[in-house]
Amino acid sequence: MGLKTVCKNGPLQPHISPKISFVGTHDAAIYAVLDGKADAGCVRTSTLERMAEEDLINLNDFKVIHGPSSPNHFSHEHHLLHSTRAYPEWALAKLDHVANKLAEQVTMVLIDMPSNSYAAQRSHSFGWSVPLNYQSVHECLRELKVGPYRDYGKISVVDVYEQYWAYILAATVIMLLFFVLFVRLK
């Protein structure tokens, strides 16, 4: 999501081509910026606030980029620093071997869990909801051509053959028949 924002808005310095590297965890990205090893970092919403609450960082040492004109842009939905639009987060999925009744019970417990509960605070979550529309996530991944959309829009000879093999075979047989007929008539 952060990459899409950078691509859309351009690098911070027009004469500098950004080098993107991945340092692992969200906390590691924040420390890389803090230690001067990176000019910018991309972390999930709430990471800065969590680390500040744990006295690991000072929020004033950071600036949220590509947000509105205010240096620290807050989301109206969840009052957290952010520079990208809000996207749905983790989806809850059930495997085939899990009983439907158990899945329903777990879902209800998660949806009913208050955001200030011990479990929610320990997992750094603000609550669960019914599944949201993930179309914006698909659009972002497709636009960036990453994940399942890495080769989106590319057409290879193999793709054409796999899609149209029957037509290719029929056309080849017809051309061979015409060739044989042409040779016999000569």
N, C-alpha and C. Protein backbone atom coordinates (compact mmCIF):
# COMPACT_ATOMS: atom_id res chain seq x y z
N MET A 1 0.83 -1.18 0.00
CA MET A 1 0.00 0.00 0.00
C MET A 1 0.88 1.25 0.00
N GLY A 2 1.96 1.19 0.77
CA GLY A 2 2.88 2.32 0.79
C GLY A 2 3.56 2.51 -0.55
N LEU A 3 3.91 1.40 -1.21
CA LEU A 3 4.55 1.48 -2.52
C LEU A 3 3.62 2.15 -3.52
N LYS A 4 2.34 1.86 -3.45
CA LYS A 4 1.38 2.49 -4.36
C LYS A 4 1.36 4.00 -4.12
N THR A 5 1.40 4.42 -2.87
CA THR A 5 1.40 5.85 -2.55
C THR A 5 2.65 6.52 -3.10
N VAL A 6 3.81 5.88 -2.93
CA VAL A 6 5.05 6.45 -3.45
C VAL A 6 5.01 6.51 -4.97
N CYS A 7 4.54 5.45 -5.61
CA CYS A 7 4.45 5.44 -7.08
C CYS A 7 3.49 6.52 -7.58
N LYS A 8 2.39 6.69 -6.88
CA LYS A 8 1.38 7.67 -7.29
C LYS A 8 1.88 9.10 -7.11
N ASN A 9 2.54 9.36 -5.99
CA ASN A 9 2.96 10.72 -5.66
C ASN A 9 4.39 11.04 -6.06
N GLY A 10 5.14 10.03 -6.46
CA GLY A 10 6.52 10.26 -6.84
C GLY A 10 7.43 10.30 -5.62
N PRO A 11 8.74 10.18 -5.86
CA PRO A 11 9.68 10.23 -4.75
C PRO A 11 9.66 11.61 -4.09
N LEU A 12 10.15 11.66 -2.88
CA LEU A 12 10.17 12.92 -2.15
C LEU A 12 11.09 13.94 -2.82
N GLN A 13 12.21 13.49 -3.35
CA GLN A 13 13.13 14.36 -4.07
C GLN A 13 13.07 13.96 -5.54
N PRO A 14 12.60 14.83 -6.44
CA PRO A 14 12.43 14.46 -7.85
C PRO A 14 13.71 13.96 -8.52
N HIS A 15 14.88 14.43 -8.09
CA HIS A 15 16.13 14.04 -8.74
C HIS A 15 16.70 12.73 -8.18
N ILE A 16 16.04 12.16 -7.19
CA ILE A 16 16.53 10.93 -6.57
C ILE A 16 15.60 9.78 -6.93
N SER A 17 16.19 8.71 -7.45
CA SER A 17 15.41 7.50 -7.72
C SER A 17 15.41 6.65 -6.46
N PRO A 18 14.24 6.36 -5.90
CA PRO A 18 14.23 5.64 -4.62
C PRO A 18 14.72 4.21 -4.74
N LYS A 19 15.50 3.78 -3.75
CA LYS A 19 15.94 2.39 -3.64
C LYS A 19 15.09 1.77 -2.55
N ILE A 20 14.42 0.70 -2.88
CA ILE A 20 13.53 0.06 -1.91
C ILE A 20 14.20 -1.19 -1.38
N SER A 21 14.26 -1.30 -0.06
CA SER A 21 14.78 -2.52 0.56
C SER A 21 13.83 -2.92 1.69
N PHE A 22 13.82 -4.19 1.97
CA PHE A 22 12.94 -4.72 2.99
C PHE A 22 13.79 -5.17 4.18
N VAL A 23 13.44 -4.68 5.36
CA VAL A 23 14.25 -4.96 6.54
C VAL A 23 13.60 -5.96 7.49
N GLY A 24 12.48 -6.51 7.11
CA GLY A 24 11.84 -7.52 7.94
C GLY A 24 10.58 -7.02 8.60
N THR A 25 10.68 -6.74 9.88
CA THR A 25 9.49 -6.38 10.65
C THR A 25 9.18 -4.89 10.53
N HIS A 26 7.98 -4.53 10.95
CA HIS A 26 7.59 -3.13 10.97
C HIS A 26 8.47 -2.35 11.95
N ASP A 27 8.73 -2.95 13.11
CA ASP A 27 9.59 -2.29 14.09
C ASP A 27 10.98 -2.04 13.50
N ALA A 28 11.51 -3.02 12.75
CA ALA A 28 12.83 -2.86 12.14
C ALA A 28 12.84 -1.70 11.14
N ALA A 29 11.74 -1.52 10.42
CA ALA A 29 11.65 -0.39 9.48
C ALA A 29 11.70 0.93 10.23
N ILE A 30 11.01 1.00 11.34
CA ILE A 30 11.01 2.23 12.14
C ILE A 30 12.41 2.51 12.69
N TYR A 31 13.08 1.48 13.21
CA TYR A 31 14.43 1.67 13.73
C TYR A 31 15.41 2.05 12.61
N ALA A 32 15.22 1.51 11.40
CA ALA A 32 16.09 1.86 10.28
C ALA A 32 15.98 3.35 9.96
N VAL A 33 14.77 3.88 10.00
CA VAL A 33 14.57 5.32 9.78
C VAL A 33 15.18 6.11 10.94
N LEU A 34 14.90 5.69 12.15
CA LEU A 34 15.39 6.38 13.34
C LEU A 34 16.92 6.42 13.38
N ASP A 35 17.55 5.31 12.96
CA ASP A 35 19.02 5.22 12.99
C ASP A 35 19.68 5.81 11.75
N GLY A 36 18.89 6.36 10.83
CA GLY A 36 19.44 6.96 9.62
C GLY A 36 19.86 5.97 8.56
N LYS A 37 19.49 4.70 8.71
CA LYS A 37 19.83 3.68 7.71
C LYS A 37 18.87 3.71 6.53
N ALA A 38 17.74 4.39 6.71
CA ALA A 38 16.74 4.54 5.64
C ALA A 38 16.16 5.94 5.72
N ASP A 39 15.81 6.48 4.56
CA ASP A 39 15.21 7.81 4.52
C ASP A 39 13.73 7.76 4.87
N ALA A 40 13.10 6.65 4.59
CA ALA A 40 11.66 6.50 4.83
C ALA A 40 11.36 5.04 5.10
N GLY A 41 10.24 4.80 5.73
CA GLY A 41 9.82 3.43 6.00
C GLY A 41 8.32 3.31 5.83
N CYS A 42 7.88 2.10 5.61
CA CYS A 42 6.46 1.84 5.45
C CYS A 42 6.06 0.78 6.48
N VAL A 43 5.15 1.15 7.35
CA VAL A 43 4.70 0.23 8.40
C VAL A 43 3.18 0.26 8.48
N ARG A 44 2.61 -0.76 9.05
CA ARG A 44 1.16 -0.81 9.19
C ARG A 44 0.69 0.25 10.17
N THR A 45 -0.54 0.66 9.98
CA THR A 45 -1.16 1.63 10.87
C THR A 45 -1.12 1.09 12.29
N SER A 46 -0.84 1.92 13.24
CA SER A 46 -0.78 1.66 14.69
C SER A 46 0.60 1.28 15.17
N THR A 47 1.55 0.97 14.28
CA THR A 47 2.88 0.56 14.73
C THR A 47 3.59 1.71 15.43
N LEU A 48 3.55 2.90 14.84
CA LEU A 48 4.19 4.06 15.47
C LEU A 48 3.59 4.33 16.84
N GLU A 49 2.27 4.33 16.91
CA GLU A 49 1.59 4.61 18.18
C GLU A 49 1.91 3.55 19.23
N ARG A 50 1.94 2.29 18.82
CA ARG A 50 2.25 1.21 19.76
C ARG A 50 3.66 1.36 20.31
N MET A 51 4.62 1.64 19.42
CA MET A 51 6.00 1.77 19.87
C MET A 51 6.19 3.00 20.75
N ALA A 52 5.45 4.07 20.46
CA ALA A 52 5.52 5.26 21.31
C ALA A 52 4.92 4.97 22.68
N GLU A 53 3.81 4.23 22.69
CA GLU A 53 3.16 3.87 23.96
C GLU A 53 4.07 3.00 24.81
N GLU A 54 4.89 2.16 24.15
CA GLU A 54 5.83 1.30 24.86
C GLU A 54 7.14 2.03 25.17
N ASP A 55 7.19 3.34 24.91
CA ASP A 55 8.38 4.18 25.14
C ASP A 55 9.60 3.70 24.36
N LEU A 56 9.37 3.13 23.19
CA LEU A 56 10.47 2.69 22.33
C LEU A 56 10.90 3.81 21.38
N ILE A 57 9.97 4.71 21.04
CA ILE A 57 10.26 5.82 20.13
C ILE A 57 9.51 7.06 20.60
N ASN A 58 9.87 8.18 20.02
CA ASN A 58 9.15 9.43 20.23
C ASN A 58 8.46 9.78 18.91
N LEU A 59 7.15 9.91 18.93
CA LEU A 59 6.41 10.20 17.69
C LEU A 59 6.89 11.47 17.01
N ASN A 60 7.40 12.42 17.77
CA ASN A 60 7.87 13.68 17.18
C ASN A 60 9.12 13.51 16.33
N ASP A 61 9.77 12.34 16.41
CA ASP A 61 10.94 12.07 15.58
C ASP A 61 10.56 11.63 14.17
N PHE A 62 9.26 11.48 13.92
CA PHE A 62 8.79 10.95 12.64
C PHE A 62 7.81 11.91 11.98
N LYS A 63 7.77 11.84 10.67
CA LYS A 63 6.82 12.63 9.89
C LYS A 63 6.12 11.69 8.93
N VAL A 64 4.81 11.75 8.90
CA VAL A 64 4.03 10.94 7.96
C VAL A 64 4.05 11.66 6.62
N ILE A 65 4.49 10.96 5.58
CA ILE A 65 4.60 11.59 4.27
C ILE A 65 3.42 11.24 3.38
N HIS A 66 3.22 12.06 2.39
CA HIS A 66 2.15 11.89 1.39
C HIS A 66 0.76 11.91 1.99
N GLY A 67 0.61 12.47 3.17
CA GLY A 67 -0.71 12.69 3.74
C GLY A 67 -1.15 14.10 3.38
N PRO A 68 -2.27 14.57 3.90
CA PRO A 68 -2.66 15.96 3.66
C PRO A 68 -1.60 16.92 4.22
N SER A 69 -1.85 18.18 4.14
CA SER A 69 -0.84 19.20 4.46
C SER A 69 -0.33 19.12 5.89
N SER A 70 -1.11 18.58 6.81
CA SER A 70 -0.63 18.49 8.19
C SER A 70 0.50 17.47 8.27
N PRO A 71 1.55 17.75 9.07
CA PRO A 71 2.69 16.83 9.12
C PRO A 71 2.32 15.46 9.66
N ASN A 72 1.39 15.40 10.57
CA ASN A 72 0.96 14.10 11.11
C ASN A 72 -0.51 13.93 10.79
N HIS A 73 -0.78 13.13 9.78
CA HIS A 73 -2.14 12.95 9.27
C HIS A 73 -2.82 11.81 10.01
N PHE A 74 -3.98 12.08 10.57
CA PHE A 74 -4.72 11.07 11.32
C PHE A 74 -5.89 10.56 10.50
N SER A 75 -6.17 9.28 10.64
CA SER A 75 -7.34 8.69 10.00
C SER A 75 -8.58 9.10 10.77
N HIS A 76 -9.59 9.52 10.05
CA HIS A 76 -10.84 9.87 10.72
C HIS A 76 -11.54 8.62 11.25
N GLU A 77 -11.25 7.46 10.64
CA GLU A 77 -11.90 6.23 11.08
C GLU A 77 -11.32 5.71 12.38
N HIS A 78 -10.00 5.69 12.50
CA HIS A 78 -9.42 5.09 13.70
C HIS A 78 -8.39 5.97 14.38
N HIS A 79 -8.28 7.21 14.02
CA HIS A 79 -7.44 8.20 14.70
C HIS A 79 -5.99 7.74 14.85
N LEU A 80 -5.46 7.15 13.81
CA LEU A 80 -4.07 6.71 13.82
C LEU A 80 -3.33 7.36 12.66
N LEU A 81 -2.03 7.57 12.84
CA LEU A 81 -1.22 8.14 11.77
C LEU A 81 -1.26 7.23 10.55
N HIS A 82 -1.36 7.84 9.37
CA HIS A 82 -1.32 7.06 8.14
C HIS A 82 -1.07 7.97 6.95
N SER A 83 -0.57 7.39 5.87
CA SER A 83 -0.37 8.16 4.65
C SER A 83 -1.06 7.52 3.46
N THR A 84 -1.62 6.35 3.65
CA THR A 84 -2.35 5.69 2.56
C THR A 84 -3.83 5.64 2.93
N ARG A 85 -4.63 5.31 1.96
CA ARG A 85 -6.05 5.11 2.26
C ARG A 85 -6.19 3.87 3.14
N ALA A 86 -7.31 3.72 3.77
CA ALA A 86 -7.55 2.56 4.62
C ALA A 86 -7.86 1.35 3.75
N TYR A 87 -7.26 0.23 4.08
CA TYR A 87 -7.51 -1.03 3.40
C TYR A 87 -7.98 -2.04 4.44
N PRO A 88 -8.80 -3.01 4.03
CA PRO A 88 -9.19 -4.06 4.98
C PRO A 88 -7.95 -4.84 5.42
N GLU A 89 -7.99 -5.34 6.63
CA GLU A 89 -6.84 -6.08 7.14
C GLU A 89 -7.08 -7.58 7.03
N TRP A 90 -6.53 -8.31 7.97
CA TRP A 90 -6.54 -9.76 7.93
C TRP A 90 -7.96 -10.32 7.87
N ALA A 91 -8.13 -11.27 6.98
CA ALA A 91 -9.41 -11.96 6.88
C ALA A 91 -9.34 -13.24 7.71
N LEU A 92 -10.46 -13.62 8.27
CA LEU A 92 -10.55 -14.85 9.03
C LEU A 92 -11.04 -15.93 8.07
N ALA A 93 -10.28 -17.01 7.96
CA ALA A 93 -10.65 -18.09 7.04
C ALA A 93 -10.71 -19.41 7.81
N LYS A 94 -11.47 -20.35 7.27
CA LYS A 94 -11.64 -21.65 7.89
C LYS A 94 -11.14 -22.72 6.94
N LEU A 95 -10.39 -23.68 7.46
CA LEU A 95 -9.94 -24.81 6.66
C LEU A 95 -11.05 -25.86 6.63
N ASP A 96 -10.98 -26.73 5.64
CA ASP A 96 -12.02 -27.75 5.46
C ASP A 96 -12.20 -28.66 6.67
N HIS A 97 -11.11 -28.99 7.36
CA HIS A 97 -11.21 -29.94 8.47
C HIS A 97 -11.76 -29.32 9.76
N VAL A 98 -11.94 -28.01 9.80
CA VAL A 98 -12.48 -27.34 10.99
C VAL A 98 -14.01 -27.39 10.93
N ALA A 99 -14.60 -27.81 12.02
CA ALA A 99 -16.07 -27.92 12.08
C ALA A 99 -16.72 -26.55 11.94
N ASN A 100 -17.82 -26.50 11.21
CA ASN A 100 -18.54 -25.23 11.01
C ASN A 100 -18.97 -24.62 12.34
N LYS A 101 -19.42 -25.45 13.27
CA LYS A 101 -19.89 -24.95 14.57
C LYS A 101 -18.74 -24.26 15.32
N LEU A 102 -17.56 -24.87 15.31
CA LEU A 102 -16.40 -24.27 15.96
C LEU A 102 -16.03 -22.95 15.28
N ALA A 103 -16.05 -22.93 13.97
CA ALA A 103 -15.73 -21.70 13.23
C ALA A 103 -16.71 -20.58 13.58
N GLU A 104 -17.99 -20.92 13.69
CA GLU A 104 -19.00 -19.92 14.07
C GLU A 104 -18.76 -19.40 15.47
N GLN A 105 -18.41 -20.30 16.41
CA GLN A 105 -18.16 -19.89 17.79
C GLN A 105 -16.94 -18.96 17.87
N VAL A 106 -15.87 -19.32 17.17
CA VAL A 106 -14.66 -18.49 17.17
C VAL A 106 -14.97 -17.12 16.56
N THR A 107 -15.71 -17.12 15.47
CA THR A 107 -16.08 -15.86 14.81
C THR A 107 -16.87 -14.96 15.75
N MET A 108 -17.84 -15.53 16.44
CA MET A 108 -18.67 -14.73 17.35
C MET A 108 -17.84 -14.17 18.51
N VAL A 109 -16.92 -14.98 19.04
CA VAL A 109 -16.07 -14.51 20.14
C VAL A 109 -15.20 -13.35 19.65
N LEU A 110 -14.62 -13.48 18.47
CA LEU A 110 -13.76 -12.41 17.94
C LEU A 110 -14.56 -11.14 17.67
N ILE A 111 -15.73 -11.27 17.08
CA ILE A 111 -16.54 -10.08 16.78
C ILE A 111 -16.99 -9.40 18.06
N ASP A 112 -17.28 -10.18 19.10
CA ASP A 112 -17.73 -9.62 20.37
C ASP A 112 -16.59 -9.09 21.25
N MET A 113 -15.34 -9.38 20.87
CA MET A 113 -14.20 -8.98 21.69
C MET A 113 -14.06 -7.45 21.72
N PRO A 114 -14.11 -6.85 22.91
CA PRO A 114 -13.92 -5.39 22.99
C PRO A 114 -12.48 -5.01 22.65
N SER A 115 -12.30 -3.85 22.04
CA SER A 115 -10.96 -3.43 21.64
C SER A 115 -10.05 -3.17 22.84
N ASN A 116 -10.63 -2.97 24.02
CA ASN A 116 -9.80 -2.73 25.21
C ASN A 116 -9.57 -3.99 26.03
N SER A 117 -9.96 -5.15 25.50
CA SER A 117 -9.76 -6.41 26.23
C SER A 117 -8.27 -6.77 26.23
N TYR A 118 -7.90 -7.63 27.17
CA TYR A 118 -6.51 -8.06 27.29
C TYR A 118 -6.04 -8.72 25.98
N ALA A 119 -6.86 -9.61 25.42
CA ALA A 119 -6.48 -10.32 24.19
C ALA A 119 -6.29 -9.35 23.03
N ALA A 120 -7.19 -8.38 22.90
CA ALA A 120 -7.07 -7.40 21.81
C ALA A 120 -5.82 -6.54 21.99
N GLN A 121 -5.55 -6.14 23.21
CA GLN A 121 -4.37 -5.31 23.46
C GLN A 121 -3.08 -6.08 23.22
N ARG A 122 -3.03 -7.35 23.65
CA ARG A 122 -1.83 -8.16 23.45
C ARG A 122 -1.59 -8.45 21.97
N SER A 123 -2.65 -8.54 21.19
CA SER A 123 -2.50 -8.82 19.75
C SER A 123 -2.44 -7.54 18.92
N HIS A 124 -2.47 -6.39 19.58
CA HIS A 124 -2.44 -5.09 18.91
C HIS A 124 -3.54 -4.98 17.87
N SER A 125 -4.71 -5.48 18.21
CA SER A 125 -5.85 -5.38 17.30
C SER A 125 -6.89 -4.44 17.89
N PHE A 126 -7.69 -3.89 17.03
CA PHE A 126 -8.73 -2.96 17.47
C PHE A 126 -10.11 -3.56 17.33
N GLY A 127 -10.15 -4.85 17.07
CA GLY A 127 -11.42 -5.52 16.96
C GLY A 127 -11.57 -6.26 15.64
N TRP A 128 -12.60 -7.06 15.57
CA TRP A 128 -12.89 -7.86 14.39
C TRP A 128 -14.25 -7.46 13.85
N SER A 129 -14.47 -7.73 12.58
CA SER A 129 -15.76 -7.41 11.97
C SER A 129 -16.10 -8.50 10.97
N VAL A 130 -17.28 -8.40 10.43
CA VAL A 130 -17.65 -9.31 9.34
C VAL A 130 -16.70 -9.01 8.18
N PRO A 131 -16.52 -9.95 7.25
CA PRO A 131 -15.60 -9.71 6.13
C PRO A 131 -15.95 -8.43 5.38
N LEU A 132 -14.91 -7.69 5.03
CA LEU A 132 -15.07 -6.44 4.28
C LEU A 132 -14.83 -6.69 2.80
N ASN A 133 -15.06 -5.69 2.00
CA ASN A 133 -14.82 -5.78 0.56
C ASN A 133 -13.32 -5.59 0.30
N TYR A 134 -12.68 -6.60 -0.24
CA TYR A 134 -11.24 -6.56 -0.48
C TYR A 134 -10.90 -6.12 -1.90
N GLN A 135 -11.86 -5.57 -2.63
CA GLN A 135 -11.61 -5.15 -4.01
C GLN A 135 -10.49 -4.11 -4.08
N SER A 136 -10.43 -3.19 -3.11
CA SER A 136 -9.38 -2.16 -3.13
C SER A 136 -8.00 -2.79 -2.99
N VAL A 137 -7.89 -3.89 -2.26
CA VAL A 137 -6.62 -4.58 -2.13
C VAL A 137 -6.24 -5.21 -3.46
N HIS A 138 -7.20 -5.86 -4.12
CA HIS A 138 -6.94 -6.45 -5.44
C HIS A 138 -6.50 -5.37 -6.43
N GLU A 139 -7.19 -4.24 -6.43
CA GLU A 139 -6.85 -3.15 -7.36
C GLU A 139 -5.44 -2.64 -7.11
N CYS A 140 -5.06 -2.51 -5.85
CA CYS A 140 -3.72 -2.05 -5.50
C CYS A 140 -2.67 -3.05 -5.99
N LEU A 141 -2.86 -4.33 -5.70
CA LEU A 141 -1.92 -5.36 -6.12
C LEU A 141 -1.83 -5.44 -7.64
N ARG A 142 -2.97 -5.32 -8.31
CA ARG A 142 -3.00 -5.37 -9.78
C ARG A 142 -2.26 -4.17 -10.37
N GLU A 143 -2.49 -2.99 -9.81
CA GLU A 143 -1.83 -1.77 -10.30
C GLU A 143 -0.31 -1.86 -10.14
N LEU A 144 0.14 -2.43 -9.03
CA LEU A 144 1.57 -2.56 -8.77
C LEU A 144 2.18 -3.78 -9.44
N LYS A 145 1.32 -4.68 -9.95
CA LYS A 145 1.76 -5.93 -10.58
C LYS A 145 2.62 -6.75 -9.62
N VAL A 146 2.08 -6.98 -8.42
CA VAL A 146 2.75 -7.79 -7.42
C VAL A 146 1.81 -8.90 -6.95
N GLY A 147 2.38 -9.85 -6.21
CA GLY A 147 1.56 -10.94 -5.68
C GLY A 147 0.94 -11.75 -6.81
N PRO A 148 -0.34 -12.05 -6.70
CA PRO A 148 -0.98 -12.87 -7.73
C PRO A 148 -1.09 -12.15 -9.07
N TYR A 149 -0.81 -10.85 -9.10
CA TYR A 149 -0.93 -10.08 -10.34
C TYR A 149 0.44 -9.75 -10.94
N ARG A 150 1.48 -10.47 -10.53
CA ARG A 150 2.83 -10.19 -11.00
C ARG A 150 2.91 -10.19 -12.53
N ASP A 151 2.26 -11.13 -13.16
CA ASP A 151 2.29 -11.23 -14.62
C ASP A 151 0.98 -10.78 -15.25
N TYR A 152 0.19 -10.02 -14.51
CA TYR A 152 -1.12 -9.57 -15.00
C TYR A 152 -0.97 -8.75 -16.28
N GLY A 153 -1.71 -9.13 -17.30
CA GLY A 153 -1.69 -8.40 -18.57
C GLY A 153 -0.64 -8.90 -19.55
N LYS A 154 0.29 -9.72 -19.09
CA LYS A 154 1.31 -10.27 -19.98
C LYS A 154 0.75 -11.51 -20.67
N ILE A 155 1.01 -11.62 -21.94
CA ILE A 155 0.55 -12.78 -22.70
C ILE A 155 1.77 -13.47 -23.29
N SER A 156 1.91 -14.75 -23.01
CA SER A 156 3.04 -15.51 -23.54
C SER A 156 2.52 -16.51 -24.58
N VAL A 157 3.45 -17.06 -25.33
CA VAL A 157 3.10 -18.08 -26.33
C VAL A 157 2.46 -19.28 -25.63
N VAL A 158 2.97 -19.62 -24.47
CA VAL A 158 2.42 -20.75 -23.70
C VAL A 158 0.97 -20.46 -23.31
N ASP A 159 0.70 -19.22 -22.87
CA ASP A 159 -0.67 -18.84 -22.51
C ASP A 159 -1.61 -18.99 -23.70
N VAL A 160 -1.16 -18.51 -24.86
CA VAL A 160 -1.99 -18.61 -26.07
C VAL A 160 -2.23 -20.07 -26.41
N TYR A 161 -1.18 -20.89 -26.36
CA TYR A 161 -1.32 -22.31 -26.69
C TYR A 161 -2.28 -23.00 -25.71
N GLU A 162 -2.12 -22.74 -24.41
CA GLU A 162 -2.99 -23.38 -23.41
C GLU A 162 -4.44 -22.97 -23.60
N GLN A 163 -4.68 -21.74 -24.00
CA GLN A 163 -6.04 -21.24 -24.17
C GLN A 163 -6.67 -21.74 -25.48
N TYR A 164 -5.87 -21.79 -26.55
CA TYR A 164 -6.42 -22.03 -27.89
C TYR A 164 -5.84 -23.28 -28.56
N TRP A 165 -5.37 -24.26 -27.78
CA TRP A 165 -4.72 -25.42 -28.37
C TRP A 165 -5.63 -26.16 -29.35
N ALA A 166 -6.90 -26.25 -29.06
CA ALA A 166 -7.82 -26.98 -29.95
C ALA A 166 -7.93 -26.27 -31.30
N TYR A 167 -8.03 -24.94 -31.28
CA TYR A 167 -8.11 -24.17 -32.53
C TYR A 167 -6.80 -24.26 -33.31
N ILE A 168 -5.68 -24.22 -32.59
CA ILE A 168 -4.38 -24.32 -33.24
C ILE A 168 -4.23 -25.69 -33.89
N LEU A 169 -4.65 -26.73 -33.17
CA LEU A 169 -4.59 -28.09 -33.72
C LEU A 169 -5.48 -28.22 -34.95
N ALA A 170 -6.70 -27.70 -34.87
CA ALA A 170 -7.63 -27.77 -36.01
C ALA A 170 -7.06 -27.01 -37.21
N ALA A 171 -6.52 -25.83 -36.99
CA ALA A 171 -5.95 -25.04 -38.09
C ALA A 171 -4.76 -25.76 -38.70
N THR A 172 -3.93 -26.40 -37.87
CA THR A 172 -2.77 -27.14 -38.37
C THR A 172 -3.22 -28.32 -39.22
N VAL A 173 -4.23 -29.06 -38.77
CA VAL A 173 -4.75 -30.20 -39.54
C VAL A 173 -5.31 -29.72 -40.87
N ILE A 174 -6.07 -28.64 -40.86
CA ILE A 174 -6.65 -28.11 -42.10
C ILE A 174 -5.55 -27.67 -43.06
N MET A 175 -4.52 -27.00 -42.55
CA MET A 175 -3.41 -26.58 -43.42
C MET A 175 -2.68 -27.78 -43.99
N LEU A 176 -2.48 -28.83 -43.19
CA LEU A 176 -1.84 -30.04 -43.70
C LEU A 176 -2.69 -30.70 -44.78
N LEU A 177 -4.00 -30.72 -44.58
CA LEU A 177 -4.88 -31.29 -45.61
C LEU A 177 -4.80 -30.49 -46.90
N PHE A 178 -4.80 -29.16 -46.80
CA PHE A 178 -4.66 -28.33 -48.00
C PHE A 178 -3.31 -28.55 -48.67
N PHE A 179 -2.25 -28.71 -47.87
CA PHE A 179 -0.93 -28.96 -48.43
C PHE A 179 -0.90 -30.29 -49.18
N VAL A 180 -1.45 -31.34 -48.57
CA VAL A 180 -1.50 -32.66 -49.22
C VAL A 180 -2.32 -32.57 -50.49
N LEU A 181 -3.45 -31.89 -50.45
CA LEU A 181 -4.30 -31.73 -51.63
C LEU A 181 -3.56 -30.96 -52.72
N PHE A 182 -2.84 -29.92 -52.35
CA PHE A 182 -2.09 -29.11 -53.31
C PHE A 182 -1.00 -29.95 -53.97
N VAL A 183 -0.28 -30.75 -53.18
CA VAL A 183 0.79 -31.60 -53.72
C VAL A 183 0.21 -32.65 -54.65
N ARG A 184 -0.92 -33.22 -54.33
CA ARG A 184 -1.54 -34.25 -55.18
C ARG A 184 -2.05 -33.67 -56.49
N LEU A 185 -2.53 -32.44 -56.46
CA LEU A 185 -3.04 -31.82 -57.68
C LEU A 185 -1.92 -31.39 -58.61
N LYS A 186 -0.75 -31.21 -58.14
CA LYS A 186 0.38 -30.83 -58.98
C LYS A 186 0.85 -32.03 -59.67
